[in-house]
Structure formats: C-alpha cells, structure tokens
Amino acid sequence: MSRTKSAFLGTISSQLYSIISLIVSLFSVPIIVRHLNSEIYGLSIIIFQITGYLGMFDFGLGAGVERFLAGTREDNEENRTKVKRIISTAFIVYTFIAACIIIIGNIFAPYAAAIFHTPAKYLQSVRYIISVLSVVLGLQIVLRSITGIFFAHQKQILFNTLSFILNLSNTILTIIFVCLGYGLWSFAYCQIIVFIFNALLSLYFLNKYYSYIRINIKDFDFPLIKEMFSYGFALFLIGIAVQIIFQTDRIIIGSFVSLTAVSIYSFTTKIPELSSQVLWKISDNSFPALVELSKKENAGSFMKISHDKIMLLTLSLTTTFFWIVILTSYPFIKLWVGNQYFPGLTFTVLVAYLYLIQLTFIHVTSICLNGFGIAGRISVMALVEAAINLSLSIYLVKIYGINGVIIATIVGGVLTSFWYVPYLSIKYFGGNIISYFMPLLKPLVICSIFDGILYFLFRNIFHDINNWFLLVAYTTGISIVFIIPVLVLNRSLLIELKGKIFG
C-alpha cells in the first residue's frame, strides 16, 4: 500500500471513528446527568480536569519519542537497533515520571475537594478517586513508551482503531456503572478497566508487529534522552499552556460561579470542541508525513504547499460546521439535556468561533511548524498567552460569568498566537502575509456568505423543532447544502487524492 493511500485511509478511519465516538458520547450525557444531576456531573468534569493535568507531566517525552521513531519506519537492522534503544530509554524514564505522578497525586488529593463547592457527602469520595486515578495515570504514562510506535510508523488504521475501541468502551462502561448506582466512582472504575484492556491490546499488537522489541536496561541512552527532551520539552510547555487556556476554564467557573455552571459550559462547548477535534485530525494524521517532508531538500517550499492545502480543506470544513452549530445549537441542547442548560446565542457564537475558526488556523499551522521542528518559539508565546488568558478569565468571569471566560480566551489568543504563529509560518515556509491568509480568507468569506444566507433563512424553523426526528432530518438536509462550497473550494485537492489512491 502506498504511503499516500495509507495516510488517506488512516485519516478516513480516524474521522469515521471520531464521528461515531462523538455521537455515542453526546447521547451518553443525558443518561449520566439524569443519574448524577448537573451539579455532580460538573464535579466529575473538574476531577478529570485535575487528574488530566498530572497526565501531561511527561515533560514532552512522548512527542520526542514519536519524532525519533518516525525516522525508523524502514524495516532494517539499523532501524531495529534504534527502535529498541528509543523504546527502552523511554520506558525507563517514563517509569520514573509515573512514580512521581503517583506520589504527587496522592499528596494533592486531600486538598482538591476543598477548592470547589463540593457537597460534604462527596468530600471523601473525591479524595479517594483522585488518588486512584493518579495511580492509573502513572501506569498509562508507562504504557506510552510502547504505543507511540504505531502512530510514528504511520500505522494510522491500527492506532485509530485501538483508540476508538478504548474510547467507546470507556463511554459504555461509564453508562453501565452510573446506571448501576456507583455515582462518581463510575468514572474511576471505567478508567481502571479500560487501562487493563488497553495494556493487553497494546502488548498483543506490539508483539505481532515488533516481536524483536525487548525492554533492556543496557539499551538506555542518556544522550538520546537529552535529544528527545530538547524537542519534546517545547511541546510540553505548549501543552501546559493549552491546558491553562482551555481546560482551566471549567475550574475557574467551578470556583467563581457554580458546579452547575460548569455543566452548562461543558454542554455548550461539547459539540464545537468535539467537532473541531474530529476535523483537526486531517492535519494531526499528516504529522508523521510532515516530519519526513521536513528532511527533504528545499523542505520549506514543500511544507508551504502542504500547509496551504491542509488549511484550505480544514478551515472550509470548520467554517461550515460553525454555521451548522449556530443553527442547531438551541434545539439540540433543548432536546439533549433541556432548554434550561442553553446559555444563549451570544455564548454559543463565541464558543463556535473560538473552536471552529480562530483555533483551527492556529492548530493547522502549528502542526506544520512542529513537523518542521519549530516548537521552541511557539512554546514561549503559548506561555505568554496562557498568563494573559488566566488573568483575564479570573477578572472577566466575575463580571460576565461564563461569557467572560470565553471572551478572555479569544482576546488572549488575538494578542499572541493569532499573529505570532502566522509570522513563524512566513519566516520558515516562505511567502508573505497575503499568501498566508489567502487559504484562510477564501473559505471564511465564501463559506460564510453562502452558509450565512442559509442560516438566516432557516433559523426560525430550527428554533421551533421539538423532536429528534425533525432535528436529524432538517440538519442532514441543510448540511448537504452547506457542504457545496467545501467541495467547490477543494475540488483540485479531491481530484489529486482520487488520482493517487485509485489511479
């Protein structure tokens, strides 16, 4: 199978699995909320937010491992030796990091519940759950030392299938445990079971495709660790900044507003956030190929061409989804969890713009820059953005409530990455400000004019929808029409892909 075809099928499988996971996740929420109530559901979100921070502290080693493994795809004796050295080294370091995370998580657990408006009867449970999840996260981090090779060697279908199975299992198990009355502990039990399942599957496929790999202390390579960290640490800083910019919003809302407000925020952001993650996989799945491309002569010019094609396709899709989300958000939330959880059109528009427009072009360009090996300078600006965002969020949430948190995120981005990431793209890939923004403006203008007219024509019809059948039927029909500009704008790319895959 050619690399183009493999990458294409990997991207398609990723999109398909993500859409299925999104649908299952969306329809699981009302069931969980009905058994937990909105306040406790908000508390569960914050618990996973806190433990999620601990899971980030591999200090960028994962990104470094994947980048170094991406250069060992050809199966020969030299590369096999490199693979064994990389994985053995990563395993040893990950084990040390995991031990630190387990210790820190258990030290922090007794104080976590006191930060939020946690009902007294859940205080003890929150402490124990955070302790348990810290242990699970530590073990998950050790497992990363072997799972990264599937993605790095562009086995996207296998990698995506494993992720899909695990995500789906997690959602289904959560529903089962919640319905059985295990409350907050449902989430912890699911994490334990899914981790065991993940470990068994990963070890099976590692043995099937890379039976020569053995963890050996003698293969530990200290200079290699420094090289991997020198690349990955910048991405770690970016990851920390991203967590502060986006995921701390829920903690701030839980601290300054209420746990119910956390649920309202999460319900409204869920569709734009999940939709963007599905569509961003177009660029995410291109990362290993971009790394290979960066090693070619005159790589900057090739990266510029690839960047513009990915940008045009991704942004035209996300702009279309922006208008679909605006059109369907009220009837969806009304039928999904109840209209009392709809925060208003202004908040919905702000959220959809943030995830589906502003963050999309920054994400695509950042992936290309990371593939090119440019991450250090992005990390510095990301930390500046995080500091601005955090300060503004704490100030504005007191004035505007949950709207203030989104406004702070948008403003922080405009002041920093909104202009800095394009600047780096022009510097390293060539071109000028016009050539950079043209792939952005075409989909934004053309899709928004076409889709915006349809929005104003049909918004009253969607507002009055009162059952799922009509919502699904109308959304399907209008989406088929909305997608027309996307097909027109990306016609040459689609023809090119068709020729490479089937020609």
Protein backbone atom coordinates (compact mmCIF):
# COMPACT_ATOMS: atom_id res chain seq x y z
CA MET A 1 0.00 0.00 0.00
CA SER A 2 1.41 3.43 -0.94
CA ARG A 3 2.09 5.96 1.79
CA THR A 4 -0.46 8.37 0.30
CA LYS A 5 -3.13 5.70 0.30
CA SER A 6 -2.18 4.54 3.79
CA ALA A 7 -2.31 8.10 5.12
CA PHE A 8 -5.63 8.74 3.38
CA LEU A 9 -7.23 5.57 4.75
CA GLY A 10 -5.82 6.37 8.16
CA THR A 11 -7.38 9.82 8.07
CA ILE A 12 -10.72 8.43 6.88
CA SER A 13 -10.75 5.79 9.64
CA SER A 14 -9.85 8.47 12.16
CA GLN A 15 -12.69 10.72 11.02
CA LEU A 16 -15.20 7.87 10.99
CA TYR A 17 -14.23 6.63 14.43
CA SER A 18 -14.26 10.15 15.82
CA ILE A 19 -17.75 10.81 14.47
CA ILE A 20 -19.08 7.56 15.96
CA SER A 21 -17.40 8.32 19.30
CA LEU A 22 -18.81 11.85 19.21
CA ILE A 23 -22.37 10.57 18.65
CA VAL A 24 -22.09 7.93 21.38
CA SER A 25 -20.56 10.47 23.77
CA LEU A 26 -23.30 13.02 23.10
CA PHE A 27 -26.12 10.60 23.71
CA SER A 28 -24.48 9.23 26.84
CA VAL A 29 -24.51 12.63 28.55
CA PRO A 30 -28.29 12.84 29.24
CA ILE A 31 -28.21 9.37 30.78
CA ILE A 32 -25.29 10.26 33.04
CA VAL A 33 -26.77 13.64 34.05
CA ARG A 34 -30.12 12.02 34.84
CA HIS A 35 -28.43 9.64 37.31
CA LEU A 36 -25.90 12.12 38.75
CA ASN A 37 -27.65 15.54 38.39
CA SER A 38 -25.93 18.57 36.84
CA GLU A 39 -24.00 19.55 39.98
CA ILE A 40 -22.31 16.18 40.46
CA TYR A 41 -21.70 15.90 36.72
CA GLY A 42 -19.86 19.24 36.91
CA LEU A 43 -17.81 17.89 39.82
CA SER A 44 -16.82 14.81 37.78
CA ILE A 45 -15.60 17.10 34.98
CA ILE A 46 -13.39 19.01 37.41
CA ILE A 47 -11.96 15.80 38.91
CA PHE A 48 -10.84 14.63 35.48
CA GLN A 49 -9.52 18.10 34.74
CA ILE A 50 -7.27 17.95 37.79
CA THR A 51 -6.01 14.43 37.14
CA GLY A 52 -5.63 15.30 33.45
CA TYR A 53 -3.02 17.88 34.42
CA LEU A 54 -0.98 15.16 36.10
CA GLY A 55 -1.16 13.04 32.94
CA MET A 56 0.55 15.81 30.98
CA PHE A 57 3.72 15.74 33.02
CA ASP A 58 5.85 13.58 30.79
CA PHE A 59 7.69 16.85 30.01
CA GLY A 60 7.25 16.33 26.29
CA LEU A 61 8.99 12.98 26.13
CA GLY A 62 6.08 11.44 24.17
CA ALA A 63 6.46 13.94 21.35
CA GLY A 64 10.20 13.38 21.25
CA VAL A 65 9.78 9.59 21.16
CA GLU A 66 7.29 9.80 18.28
CA ARG A 67 9.52 12.14 16.30
CA PHE A 68 12.59 9.93 16.68
CA LEU A 69 10.61 6.76 15.92
CA ALA A 70 9.16 8.42 12.80
CA GLY A 71 12.63 8.27 11.27
CA THR A 72 12.90 4.49 11.76
CA ARG A 73 9.98 3.34 9.63
CA GLU A 74 12.03 1.31 7.13
CA ASP A 75 12.49 -2.23 8.49
CA ASN A 76 16.23 -2.94 8.56
CA GLU A 77 18.73 -3.97 11.20
CA GLU A 78 19.98 -0.44 11.83
CA ASN A 79 16.48 0.88 12.45
CA ARG A 80 15.59 -2.08 14.64
CA THR A 81 18.54 -1.27 16.87
CA LYS A 82 17.42 2.38 17.05
CA VAL A 83 13.83 1.37 17.87
CA LYS A 84 14.95 -0.87 20.74
CA ARG A 85 17.18 1.88 22.07
CA ILE A 86 14.46 4.55 21.86
CA ILE A 87 11.73 2.43 23.48
CA SER A 88 13.94 1.02 26.25
CA THR A 89 15.18 4.50 27.10
CA ALA A 90 11.66 5.93 27.08
CA PHE A 91 10.30 3.08 29.23
CA ILE A 92 12.87 3.67 31.98
CA VAL A 93 12.30 7.42 32.07
CA TYR A 94 8.51 7.02 31.91
CA THR A 95 8.64 4.66 34.90
CA PHE A 96 10.42 7.31 36.97
CA ILE A 97 7.94 10.01 35.86
CA ALA A 98 4.99 7.73 36.66
CA ALA A 99 6.27 7.18 40.21
CA CYS A 100 6.49 10.96 40.71
CA ILE A 101 2.94 11.49 39.38
CA ILE A 102 1.50 8.82 41.70
CA ILE A 103 3.21 10.41 44.72
CA ILE A 104 2.17 13.98 43.80
CA GLY A 105 -1.41 12.94 43.06
CA ASN A 106 -1.79 11.24 46.42
CA ILE A 107 -0.28 14.21 48.25
CA PHE A 108 -2.59 16.65 46.46
CA ALA A 109 -5.78 14.53 46.74
CA PRO A 110 -6.82 15.55 50.30
CA TYR A 111 -6.79 19.25 49.36
CA ALA A 112 -8.53 19.09 45.98
CA ALA A 113 -12.13 18.89 47.14
CA ALA A 114 -11.79 21.97 49.35
CA ILE A 115 -11.11 24.23 46.34
CA PHE A 116 -14.63 23.85 44.88
CA HIS A 117 -18.20 23.93 46.10
CA THR A 118 -18.13 20.19 46.78
CA PRO A 119 -21.11 18.83 48.75
CA ALA A 120 -19.95 17.49 52.12
CA LYS A 121 -21.06 13.91 51.42
CA TYR A 122 -18.72 13.72 48.39
CA LEU A 123 -15.56 15.12 50.03
CA GLN A 124 -14.11 11.74 50.99
CA SER A 125 -15.01 10.16 47.64
CA VAL A 126 -13.29 12.96 45.71
CA ARG A 127 -10.07 12.42 47.67
CA TYR A 128 -10.01 8.68 47.11
CA ILE A 129 -10.96 8.97 43.43
CA ILE A 130 -8.12 11.40 42.72
CA SER A 131 -5.69 9.04 44.48
CA VAL A 132 -6.86 6.06 42.42
CA LEU A 133 -6.82 7.99 39.15
CA SER A 134 -3.27 9.18 39.90
CA VAL A 135 -2.13 5.56 40.02
CA VAL A 136 -3.96 4.73 36.78
CA LEU A 137 -2.45 7.78 35.08
CA GLY A 138 1.02 6.77 36.17
CA LEU A 139 0.59 3.33 34.61
CA GLN A 140 -0.86 4.88 31.45
CA ILE A 141 2.25 7.03 31.12
CA VAL A 142 4.50 3.95 31.28
CA LEU A 143 2.39 2.39 28.52
CA ARG A 144 3.10 5.38 26.26
CA SER A 145 6.66 4.15 25.82
CA ILE A 146 5.44 1.36 23.54
CA THR A 147 2.22 2.68 21.98
CA GLY A 148 3.83 5.68 20.27
CA ILE A 149 5.44 3.45 17.64
CA PHE A 150 2.08 2.65 15.99
CA PHE A 151 1.47 6.33 15.23
CA ALA A 152 5.08 7.17 14.45
CA HIS A 153 5.32 4.36 11.88
CA GLN A 154 2.09 5.59 10.25
CA LYS A 155 0.01 2.58 11.22
CA GLN A 156 -2.89 5.01 11.50
CA ILE A 157 -5.65 2.47 10.94
CA LEU A 158 -4.36 0.28 13.79
CA PHE A 159 -3.66 3.28 16.02
CA ASN A 160 -7.08 4.83 15.32
CA THR A 161 -8.90 1.51 15.78
CA LEU A 162 -7.29 0.94 19.18
CA SER A 163 -8.16 4.48 20.29
CA PHE A 164 -11.73 4.07 19.05
CA ILE A 165 -12.27 0.76 20.87
CA LEU A 166 -10.90 2.19 24.11
CA ASN A 167 -12.91 5.44 23.92
CA LEU A 168 -16.10 3.57 23.08
CA SER A 169 -15.51 1.08 25.90
CA ASN A 170 -14.95 3.93 28.35
CA THR A 171 -18.23 5.62 27.41
CA ILE A 172 -20.29 2.42 27.51
CA LEU A 173 -18.79 1.30 30.83
CA THR A 174 -19.42 4.72 32.34
CA ILE A 175 -23.11 4.50 31.41
CA ILE A 176 -23.35 0.98 32.88
CA PHE A 177 -21.68 1.88 36.19
CA VAL A 178 -23.67 5.12 36.54
CA CYS A 179 -26.94 3.29 35.89
CA LEU A 180 -25.95 0.68 38.48
CA GLY A 181 -25.67 3.47 41.05
CA TYR A 182 -21.91 3.78 41.56
CA GLY A 183 -22.05 7.58 41.24
CA LEU A 184 -18.72 9.40 40.99
CA TRP A 185 -16.85 6.11 41.37
CA SER A 186 -18.22 5.04 37.99
CA PHE A 187 -15.58 7.15 36.24
CA ALA A 188 -12.73 5.68 38.28
CA TYR A 189 -13.84 2.08 37.73
CA CYS A 190 -14.04 2.70 33.97
CA GLN A 191 -10.54 4.13 33.87
CA ILE A 192 -9.14 1.05 35.62
CA ILE A 193 -10.88 -1.44 33.31
CA VAL A 194 -10.07 0.48 30.13
CA PHE A 195 -6.40 0.77 31.13
CA ILE A 196 -6.13 -3.01 31.60
CA PHE A 197 -7.84 -3.54 28.24
CA ASN A 198 -5.52 -1.00 26.58
CA ALA A 199 -2.40 -2.63 28.04
CA LEU A 200 -3.39 -6.10 26.84
CA LEU A 201 -4.24 -4.92 23.31
CA SER A 202 -1.10 -2.79 23.01
CA LEU A 203 1.19 -5.60 24.14
CA TYR A 204 -0.50 -8.02 21.75
CA PHE A 205 -0.03 -5.79 18.70
CA LEU A 206 3.49 -4.82 19.75
CA ASN A 207 4.43 -8.49 19.81
CA LYS A 208 2.66 -9.08 16.47
CA TYR A 209 4.35 -6.28 14.51
CA TYR A 210 7.55 -5.68 16.51
CA SER A 211 8.37 -9.01 18.10
CA TYR A 212 12.05 -8.06 18.19
CA ILE A 213 11.47 -5.31 20.76
CA ARG A 214 12.57 -6.09 24.31
CA ILE A 215 12.95 -3.62 27.17
CA ASN A 216 16.59 -3.73 28.20
CA ILE A 217 18.33 -1.50 30.75
CA LYS A 218 21.55 -1.87 28.72
CA ASP A 219 19.86 -0.01 25.84
CA PHE A 220 19.31 3.08 27.99
CA ASP A 221 20.89 6.04 26.21
CA PHE A 222 21.30 9.24 28.24
CA PRO A 223 22.38 11.45 25.28
CA LEU A 224 19.26 10.27 23.42
CA ILE A 225 17.08 11.39 26.35
CA LYS A 226 18.55 14.87 26.11
CA GLU A 227 17.86 14.99 22.38
CA MET A 228 14.26 13.83 22.77
CA PHE A 229 13.59 16.24 25.61
CA SER A 230 15.19 19.13 23.72
CA TYR A 231 12.49 18.70 21.07
CA GLY A 232 9.62 17.49 23.23
CA PHE A 233 10.01 19.92 26.14
CA ALA A 234 8.88 22.82 23.97
CA LEU A 235 5.75 20.86 23.06
CA PHE A 236 5.25 20.07 26.76
CA LEU A 237 5.25 23.79 27.52
CA ILE A 238 2.75 24.31 24.71
CA GLY A 239 0.60 21.52 26.18
CA ILE A 240 0.70 23.16 29.62
CA ALA A 241 -0.29 26.47 28.05
CA VAL A 242 -3.16 24.83 26.15
CA GLN A 243 -4.43 23.24 29.38
CA ILE A 244 -4.35 26.61 31.14
CA ILE A 245 -6.01 28.39 28.21
CA PHE A 246 -8.86 25.95 27.63
CA GLN A 247 -9.24 23.40 30.39
CA THR A 248 -8.77 25.72 33.36
CA ASP A 249 -11.96 27.48 32.29
CA ARG A 250 -14.02 24.77 33.98
CA ILE A 251 -12.02 25.05 37.20
CA ILE A 252 -12.41 28.85 37.23
CA ILE A 253 -16.15 28.55 36.63
CA GLY A 254 -16.43 25.90 39.34
CA SER A 255 -14.55 28.14 41.79
CA PHE A 256 -16.20 31.50 40.99
CA VAL A 257 -19.66 30.58 39.68
CA SER A 258 -21.01 27.09 40.49
CA LEU A 259 -20.72 23.39 39.63
CA THR A 260 -23.99 23.64 37.69
CA ALA A 261 -22.43 26.42 35.57
CA VAL A 262 -19.57 24.01 34.80
CA SER A 263 -22.15 21.60 33.36
CA ILE A 264 -23.80 24.36 31.30
CA TYR A 265 -20.41 25.43 29.95
CA SER A 266 -19.47 21.83 29.12
CA PHE A 267 -22.79 21.09 27.38
CA THR A 268 -22.46 24.14 25.11
CA THR A 269 -18.79 23.70 24.27
CA LYS A 270 -19.06 19.95 23.69
CA ILE A 271 -20.23 19.99 20.05
CA PRO A 272 -17.83 22.74 18.82
CA GLU A 273 -14.94 21.18 20.76
CA LEU A 274 -15.56 17.62 19.57
CA SER A 275 -16.30 18.78 16.00
CA SER A 276 -13.02 20.70 15.86
CA GLN A 277 -11.08 17.71 17.20
CA VAL A 278 -12.61 15.48 14.53
CA LEU A 279 -11.73 17.92 11.74
CA TRP A 280 -8.28 18.71 13.12
CA LYS A 281 -7.35 15.07 12.60
CA ILE A 282 -6.81 15.98 8.93
CA SER A 283 -3.67 17.85 10.00
CA ASP A 284 -2.88 15.63 13.01
CA ASN A 285 -2.71 12.48 10.87
CA SER A 286 -0.40 14.30 8.46
CA PHE A 287 2.23 14.87 11.16
CA PRO A 288 4.46 11.81 10.50
CA ALA A 289 4.44 12.62 6.76
CA LEU A 290 5.28 16.26 7.54
CA VAL A 291 8.26 15.12 9.62
CA GLU A 292 9.55 13.11 6.64
CA LEU A 293 8.91 16.06 4.34
CA SER A 294 10.91 18.37 6.61
CA LYS A 295 14.05 16.30 5.91
CA LYS A 296 13.95 16.89 2.16
CA GLU A 297 15.98 19.46 0.31
CA ASN A 298 14.12 22.76 -0.06
CA ALA A 299 11.70 21.49 2.60
CA GLY A 300 10.25 24.94 3.29
CA SER A 301 8.63 25.20 -0.14
CA PHE A 302 7.12 21.72 0.12
CA MET A 303 5.83 22.48 3.61
CA LYS A 304 4.21 25.68 2.35
CA ILE A 305 2.31 23.79 -0.37
CA SER A 306 1.18 21.08 2.06
CA HIS A 307 0.24 23.67 4.68
CA ASP A 308 -1.97 25.63 2.28
CA LYS A 309 -3.81 22.52 1.06
CA ILE A 310 -4.45 21.27 4.59
CA MET A 311 -5.51 24.75 5.71
CA LEU A 312 -7.97 25.26 2.86
CA LEU A 313 -9.65 21.90 3.42
CA THR A 314 -9.74 22.09 7.23
CA LEU A 315 -10.89 25.68 7.52
CA SER A 316 -13.59 25.33 4.86
CA LEU A 317 -14.98 22.35 6.80
CA THR A 318 -14.80 24.04 10.20
CA THR A 319 -16.37 27.26 8.88
CA THR A 320 -19.27 25.19 7.53
CA PHE A 321 -19.58 23.44 10.90
CA PHE A 322 -19.59 26.87 12.59
CA TRP A 323 -22.83 27.80 10.83
CA ILE A 324 -24.36 24.36 11.39
CA VAL A 325 -23.62 24.60 15.13
CA ILE A 326 -25.14 28.09 15.35
CA LEU A 327 -28.23 26.91 13.51
CA THR A 328 -28.81 23.72 15.51
CA SER A 329 -27.43 24.52 18.99
CA TYR A 330 -30.67 25.61 20.68
CA PRO A 331 -32.95 22.77 19.53
CA PHE A 332 -30.14 20.25 20.14
CA ILE A 333 -29.46 21.32 23.74
CA LYS A 334 -33.23 21.62 24.39
CA LEU A 335 -33.81 18.01 23.28
CA TRP A 336 -30.49 16.73 24.66
CA VAL A 337 -30.45 17.94 28.28
CA GLY A 338 -33.22 20.58 28.49
CA ASN A 339 -33.51 24.24 27.43
CA GLN A 340 -32.57 25.37 30.97
CA TYR A 341 -28.98 24.49 30.01
CA PHE A 342 -28.90 26.73 26.91
CA PRO A 343 -26.70 29.75 27.82
CA GLY A 344 -27.85 31.98 24.94
CA LEU A 345 -26.86 32.67 21.35
CA THR A 346 -24.02 35.07 22.22
CA PHE A 347 -22.14 32.45 24.23
CA THR A 348 -22.79 29.82 21.54
CA VAL A 349 -21.42 32.09 18.78
CA LEU A 350 -18.32 32.92 20.85
CA VAL A 351 -17.62 29.25 21.55
CA ALA A 352 -18.19 28.19 17.93
CA TYR A 353 -15.95 30.99 16.63
CA LEU A 354 -13.18 30.11 19.10
CA TYR A 355 -13.03 26.38 18.39
CA LEU A 356 -14.03 26.25 14.71
CA ILE A 357 -12.35 29.37 13.32
CA GLN A 358 -9.67 31.02 15.47
CA LEU A 359 -8.18 27.85 16.91
CA THR A 360 -8.41 25.94 13.63
CA PHE A 361 -5.98 28.03 11.61
CA ILE A 362 -3.59 28.27 14.58
CA HIS A 363 -3.74 24.49 15.05
CA VAL A 364 -3.07 23.65 11.39
CA THR A 365 -0.09 25.98 11.13
CA SER A 366 1.29 24.81 14.48
CA ILE A 367 1.16 21.15 13.38
CA CYS A 368 3.12 22.03 10.24
CA LEU A 369 5.67 24.03 12.24
CA ASN A 370 6.04 21.17 14.73
CA GLY A 371 6.58 18.76 11.85
CA PHE A 372 9.29 21.11 10.62
CA GLY A 373 10.91 21.02 14.07
CA ILE A 374 9.91 24.55 15.11
CA ALA A 375 8.39 24.29 18.56
CA GLY A 376 10.58 26.25 21.00
CA ARG A 377 9.49 29.71 19.93
CA ILE A 378 5.83 28.68 19.82
CA SER A 379 6.09 27.46 23.40
CA VAL A 380 7.29 30.81 24.72
CA MET A 381 4.39 32.67 23.14
CA ALA A 382 1.96 29.96 24.29
CA LEU A 383 3.03 30.56 27.90
CA VAL A 384 2.53 34.31 27.47
CA GLU A 385 -0.94 33.60 26.06
CA ALA A 386 -1.73 31.32 29.00
CA ALA A 387 -0.74 34.00 31.51
CA ILE A 388 -2.90 36.63 29.75
CA ASN A 389 -5.80 34.22 29.42
CA LEU A 390 -5.73 33.11 33.05
CA SER A 391 -5.58 36.69 34.35
CA LEU A 392 -8.38 37.89 32.08
CA SER A 393 -10.54 34.83 32.84
CA ILE A 394 -10.40 35.36 36.61
CA TYR A 395 -11.23 39.06 36.13
CA LEU A 396 -13.97 38.75 33.48
CA VAL A 397 -15.74 35.71 34.98
CA LYS A 398 -16.66 37.88 37.97
CA ILE A 399 -18.25 40.46 35.65
CA TYR A 400 -19.75 38.44 32.78
CA GLY A 401 -19.99 34.92 34.21
CA ILE A 402 -19.25 32.09 31.76
CA ASN A 403 -19.28 34.56 28.83
CA GLY A 404 -16.28 36.28 30.40
CA VAL A 405 -14.19 33.09 30.30
CA ILE A 406 -14.69 32.66 26.54
CA ILE A 407 -14.05 36.37 25.87
CA ALA A 408 -10.79 36.09 27.81
CA THR A 409 -9.71 33.09 25.73
CA ILE A 410 -10.45 34.85 22.44
CA VAL A 411 -8.71 38.09 23.47
CA GLY A 412 -5.67 36.25 24.83
CA GLY A 413 -5.32 34.40 21.51
CA VAL A 414 -5.69 37.56 19.41
CA LEU A 415 -2.93 39.27 21.39
CA THR A 416 -0.49 36.38 20.97
CA SER A 417 -0.76 33.24 18.80
CA PHE A 418 -3.27 34.83 16.40
CA TRP A 419 -0.44 36.83 14.82
CA TYR A 420 2.71 35.05 16.04
CA VAL A 421 2.02 31.61 14.53
CA PRO A 422 1.41 33.09 11.03
CA TYR A 423 4.61 35.12 11.44
CA LEU A 424 6.62 31.93 12.06
CA SER A 425 4.97 30.23 9.10
CA ILE A 426 6.01 33.06 6.76
CA LYS A 427 9.52 33.06 8.21
CA TYR A 428 10.20 29.32 7.79
CA PHE A 429 7.97 28.33 4.85
CA GLY A 430 8.32 31.47 2.76
CA GLY A 431 5.67 33.63 1.15
CA ASN A 432 4.17 36.77 2.63
CA ILE A 433 1.21 37.88 4.69
CA ILE A 434 -1.11 37.76 1.66
CA SER A 435 -0.06 34.24 0.61
CA TYR A 436 -0.54 33.03 4.18
CA PHE A 437 -4.01 34.46 4.71
CA MET A 438 -5.40 33.61 1.26
CA PRO A 439 -6.15 29.94 2.17
CA LEU A 440 -7.86 31.33 5.28
CA LEU A 441 -9.91 34.12 3.72
CA LYS A 442 -11.26 32.08 0.80
CA PRO A 443 -13.14 29.54 2.93
CA LEU A 444 -14.08 32.10 5.59
CA VAL A 445 -15.61 34.52 3.08
CA ILE A 446 -17.12 32.08 0.57
CA CYS A 447 -18.50 29.59 3.10
CA SER A 448 -19.75 32.32 5.43
CA ILE A 449 -21.61 34.18 2.69
CA PHE A 450 -23.24 31.01 1.35
CA ASP A 451 -23.93 29.39 4.72
CA GLY A 452 -24.81 32.68 6.44
CA ILE A 453 -27.66 33.27 3.99
CA LEU A 454 -29.00 29.78 4.67
CA TYR A 455 -28.74 30.40 8.41
CA PHE A 456 -30.94 33.50 8.27
CA LEU A 457 -33.44 31.72 6.01
CA PHE A 458 -33.85 28.66 8.25
CA ARG A 459 -33.11 29.83 11.83
CA ASN A 460 -36.77 30.24 12.81
CA ILE A 461 -37.63 26.76 11.53
CA PHE A 462 -34.85 25.18 13.61
CA HIS A 463 -35.78 27.22 16.70
CA ASP A 464 -39.25 25.62 16.76
CA ILE A 465 -38.13 21.98 16.31
CA ASN A 466 -39.46 19.82 19.15
CA ASN A 467 -38.42 16.23 18.36
CA TRP A 468 -35.28 14.33 17.40
CA PHE A 469 -36.61 13.04 14.09
CA LEU A 470 -37.20 16.54 12.72
CA LEU A 471 -33.87 17.81 14.06
CA VAL A 472 -31.90 14.96 12.45
CA ALA A 473 -33.84 15.23 9.17
CA TYR A 474 -33.51 19.01 8.87
CA THR A 475 -29.85 19.01 9.97
CA THR A 476 -28.95 16.28 7.46
CA GLY A 477 -30.71 18.11 4.63
CA ILE A 478 -29.25 21.52 5.38
CA SER A 479 -25.74 20.05 5.90
CA ILE A 480 -25.79 18.56 2.39
CA VAL A 481 -26.45 22.04 1.01
CA PHE A 482 -23.93 23.68 3.36
CA ILE A 483 -21.15 21.37 2.12
CA ILE A 484 -21.35 22.63 -1.50
CA PRO A 485 -18.78 25.46 -1.05
CA VAL A 486 -16.37 22.97 0.59
CA LEU A 487 -16.47 20.70 -2.46
CA VAL A 488 -16.01 23.65 -4.83
CA LEU A 489 -13.09 25.15 -2.90
CA ASN A 490 -11.22 21.83 -2.58
CA ARG A 491 -12.04 20.37 -5.99
CA SER A 492 -8.42 20.20 -7.18
CA LEU A 493 -7.24 18.56 -3.93
CA LEU A 494 -10.00 15.95 -4.07
CA ILE A 495 -9.19 15.14 -7.71
CA GLU A 496 -5.48 14.86 -6.80
CA LEU A 497 -6.23 12.47 -3.91
CA LYS A 498 -8.53 10.39 -6.10
CA GLY A 499 -5.77 10.01 -8.69
CA LYS A 500 -3.15 8.97 -6.13
CA ILE A 501 -5.40 6.47 -4.41
CA PHE A 502 -7.33 4.91 -7.29
CA GLY A 503 -5.25 5.92 -10.30
